[in-house]
Protein backbone atom coordinates (compact mmCIF):
# COMPACT_ATOMS: atom_id res chain seq x y z
CA UNK A 1 -10.59 -33.39 14.85
CA UNK A 2 -13.51 -32.90 12.43
CA UNK A 3 -14.47 -29.70 14.21
CA UNK A 4 -10.94 -28.32 13.76
CA UNK A 5 -10.94 -29.22 10.04
CA UNK A 6 -14.37 -27.63 9.63
CA UNK A 7 -13.14 -24.50 11.45
CA UNK A 8 -10.14 -24.28 9.14
CA UNK A 9 -12.41 -24.65 6.09
CA UNK A 10 -14.75 -21.91 7.36
CA UNK A 11 -11.77 -19.65 8.07
CA UNK A 12 -10.38 -20.30 4.58
CA UNK A 13 -13.72 -19.39 2.96
CA UNK A 14 -13.97 -16.32 5.19
CA UNK A 15 -10.47 -15.20 4.18
CA UNK A 16 -11.38 -15.53 0.50
CA UNK A 17 -14.50 -13.42 1.10
CA UNK A 18 -12.38 -10.80 2.84
CA UNK A 19 -9.92 -10.85 -0.04
CA UNK A 20 -12.67 -9.98 -2.51
CA UNK A 21 -14.22 -7.25 -0.36
CA UNK A 22 -12.80 -3.83 0.55
CA UNK A 23 -9.70 -3.75 2.69
CA UNK A 24 -9.49 -1.44 5.67
CA UNK A 25 -5.71 -1.98 5.84
CA UNK A 26 -5.49 -0.37 2.43
CA UNK A 27 -6.88 2.86 3.81
CA UNK A 28 -4.15 3.04 6.43
CA UNK A 29 -1.38 2.43 3.92
CA UNK A 30 -2.73 4.96 1.48
CA UNK A 31 -2.77 7.61 4.21
CA UNK A 32 0.91 6.97 4.84
CA UNK A 33 1.69 7.64 1.17
CA UNK A 34 -0.56 10.67 1.23
CA UNK A 35 1.76 12.25 3.81
CA UNK A 36 4.42 12.72 1.09
CA UNK A 37 1.82 14.45 -1.07
CA UNK A 38 0.92 16.76 1.81
CA UNK A 39 4.57 17.69 2.40
CA UNK A 40 5.07 18.51 -1.29
CA UNK A 41 1.78 20.44 -1.37
CA UNK A 42 2.76 22.57 1.60
CA UNK A 43 6.12 23.43 0.07
CA UNK A 44 4.57 24.21 -3.33
CA UNK A 45 1.89 26.48 -1.83
CA UNK A 46 4.64 28.57 -0.23
CA UNK A 47 6.36 29.03 -3.59
CA UNK A 48 3.22 29.22 -5.78
CA UNK A 49 0.36 30.64 -3.67
CA UNK A 50 -2.06 30.85 -6.65
CA UNK A 51 -1.66 27.26 -7.77
CA UNK A 52 -4.41 24.69 -7.13
CA UNK A 53 -3.11 21.33 -5.95
CA UNK A 54 -5.23 18.18 -5.82
CA UNK A 55 -4.33 14.67 -4.84
CA UNK A 56 -5.85 11.24 -4.99
CA UNK A 57 -4.83 7.75 -3.96
CA UNK A 58 -3.97 5.12 -6.52
CA UNK A 59 -4.90 1.64 -5.37
CA UNK A 60 -2.68 -1.29 -6.31
CA UNK A 61 -3.87 -3.88 -8.82
CA UNK A 62 -6.66 -6.14 -7.49
CA UNK A 63 -4.38 -9.19 -7.26
CA UNK A 64 -2.11 -7.42 -4.77
CA UNK A 65 -5.10 -6.19 -2.75
CA UNK A 66 -6.43 -9.77 -2.58
CA UNK A 67 -3.05 -11.15 -1.52
CA UNK A 68 -2.82 -8.50 1.24
CA UNK A 69 -6.34 -9.31 2.46
CA UNK A 70 -5.64 -13.03 2.47
CA UNK A 71 -2.39 -12.50 4.39
CA UNK A 72 -4.21 -10.38 6.92
CA UNK A 73 -6.61 -13.21 7.75
CA UNK A 74 -3.96 -15.94 7.41
CA UNK A 75 -1.75 -14.04 9.88
CA UNK A 76 -4.55 -14.10 12.47
CA UNK A 77 -5.10 -17.83 11.88
CA UNK A 78 -1.41 -18.63 12.38
CA UNK A 79 -1.17 -16.46 15.49
CA UNK A 80 -4.30 -18.14 16.87
CA UNK A 81 -2.86 -21.61 16.22
CA UNK A 82 0.41 -20.62 17.90
CA UNK A 83 -1.41 -19.30 20.96
CA UNK A 84 -3.72 -22.31 21.43
CA UNK A 85 -0.88 -24.73 20.66
CA UNK A 86 -2.61 -26.67 17.87
CA UNK A 87 -0.41 -28.34 15.29
CA UNK A 88 -1.97 -27.71 11.85
CA UNK A 89 0.50 -30.08 10.19
CA UNK A 90 -0.94 -33.06 12.11
CA UNK A 91 -4.26 -32.51 10.28
CA UNK A 92 -2.51 -33.38 7.04
CA UNK A 93 -0.47 -36.24 8.49
CA UNK A 94 2.74 -34.25 8.26
CA UNK A 95 5.47 -33.77 10.82
CA UNK A 96 5.71 -30.22 12.12
CA UNK A 97 8.79 -28.35 10.84
CA UNK A 98 11.41 -27.10 13.26
CA UNK A 99 10.22 -23.50 13.03
CA UNK A 100 6.78 -24.58 14.26
CA UNK A 101 8.35 -26.39 17.20
CA UNK A 102 10.42 -23.29 17.96
CA UNK A 103 7.24 -21.18 17.77
CA UNK A 104 5.49 -23.39 20.29
CA UNK A 105 8.39 -22.93 22.70
CA UNK A 106 8.61 -19.18 22.08
CA UNK A 107 5.00 -18.13 21.55
CA UNK A 108 5.44 -14.40 22.14
CA UNK A 109 8.40 -14.10 19.77
CA UNK A 110 6.71 -16.32 17.18
CA UNK A 111 3.50 -14.28 17.25
CA UNK A 112 5.45 -11.03 16.94
CA UNK A 113 7.50 -12.43 14.07
CA UNK A 114 4.39 -13.62 12.19
CA UNK A 115 2.66 -10.29 12.81
CA UNK A 116 5.53 -8.06 11.67
CA UNK A 117 6.60 -10.18 8.69
CA UNK A 118 3.02 -10.43 7.47
CA UNK A 119 2.49 -6.68 7.89
CA UNK A 120 5.67 -6.00 5.95
CA UNK A 121 4.46 -8.14 3.02
CA UNK A 122 0.96 -6.60 3.21
CA UNK A 123 2.47 -3.11 3.08
CA UNK A 124 4.50 -4.02 0.02
CA UNK A 125 1.39 -5.41 -1.68
CA UNK A 126 -0.68 -2.30 -0.94
CA UNK A 127 1.96 0.30 -1.71
CA UNK A 128 1.86 1.89 -5.15
CA UNK A 129 3.62 5.07 -4.12
CA UNK A 130 1.88 6.70 -7.08
CA UNK A 131 2.57 10.38 -7.40
CA UNK A 132 1.08 12.03 -10.46
CA UNK A 133 1.51 15.76 -11.05
CA UNK A 134 -0.42 17.80 -13.60
CA UNK A 135 -0.45 21.53 -14.29
CA UNK A 136 -3.51 22.95 -16.08
CA UNK A 137 -4.57 19.37 -16.89
CA UNK A 138 -1.20 18.65 -18.55
CA UNK A 139 0.80 15.80 -16.96
CA UNK A 140 4.22 17.05 -15.82
CA UNK A 141 5.36 14.08 -13.68
CA UNK A 142 4.29 10.48 -13.24
CA UNK A 143 5.84 8.20 -10.65
CA UNK A 144 4.01 5.31 -12.28
CA UNK A 145 5.95 5.98 -15.50
CA UNK A 146 9.27 7.22 -14.09
CA UNK A 147 9.44 4.78 -11.17
CA UNK A 148 10.54 7.40 -8.62
CA UNK A 149 9.46 10.58 -6.90
CA UNK A 150 10.95 13.85 -8.07
CA UNK A 151 13.05 15.71 -5.56
CA UNK A 152 11.55 19.00 -4.44
CA UNK A 153 14.19 20.82 -6.51
CA UNK A 154 13.26 18.79 -9.62
CA UNK A 155 9.58 19.44 -9.04
CA UNK A 156 10.06 23.20 -8.64
CA UNK A 157 12.17 23.28 -11.81
CA UNK A 158 9.55 21.33 -13.76
CA UNK A 159 6.76 23.60 -12.56
CA UNK A 160 8.81 26.75 -13.26
CA UNK A 161 9.47 25.55 -16.81
CA UNK A 162 5.81 24.65 -17.37
CA UNK A 163 4.62 28.02 -16.03
CA UNK A 164 7.14 29.90 -18.22
CA UNK A 165 5.93 27.95 -21.25
CA UNK A 166 2.30 28.76 -20.37
CA UNK A 167 3.13 32.46 -19.96
CA UNK A 168 4.92 32.53 -23.34
CA UNK A 169 2.02 30.71 -25.01
CA UNK A 170 -0.54 33.06 -23.46
CA UNK A 171 1.36 36.26 -24.32
CA UNK A 172 2.07 34.96 -27.82
CA UNK A 173 -1.62 34.32 -28.48
CA UNK A 174 -2.55 37.83 -27.27
CA UNK A 175 -0.15 39.51 -29.72
CA UNK A 176 -1.71 37.74 -32.70
CA UNK A 177 -5.31 38.67 -31.91
C-alpha cells in the first residue's frame, strides 16, 4: 500500500515537471492548424505570384499548455490503473464511483473513453487557431482580434484593397517629387 502511494506521489511530481517543460503534443496540434495556413498560402500564391507569405505558430497561454501537459500524464495514469485493476479511491478511504466499477468491467471501452476524452480536452487547450495576416508589415487581419478566420473571398478582397491603396500611395508620392 505504501509503495502504491509513493508511486502515485512520484507520478504526480513527474506530471508537474512535464507540465512545466516543453510539450511534444503541442507540436502536433500546431501542425494541424498550420495546414489551414498552407491552404490559404497556396491559393494566394496563385492569385498574387509576387507576394511573400510567411507564417508562424502562436502558442496558447502557459496555463493552457500546463493543463494539457498535466492531462497527458494523468490520462496515462488513469489508463494504467484501469488496466492493472487498482482502485485509487481505496487509497483515500473512499468508495469507488459507479463509473469506475463500469470501467473495471469494460476495460477496453474505458481506456478508449479516457484516451479520446482527454485528447479532446488537450486539443482544446493547445488550440489557438491564430491566423495573423500582414501586408508590407501592416496588419490586415487578426484572428486573435476578430475571433474567426476570414473566408478566402474576404481575404482576397482585403488584400486587393490593401494593394490598391499601396499603388495609389506609391503613384501619388512619385507625382509630388
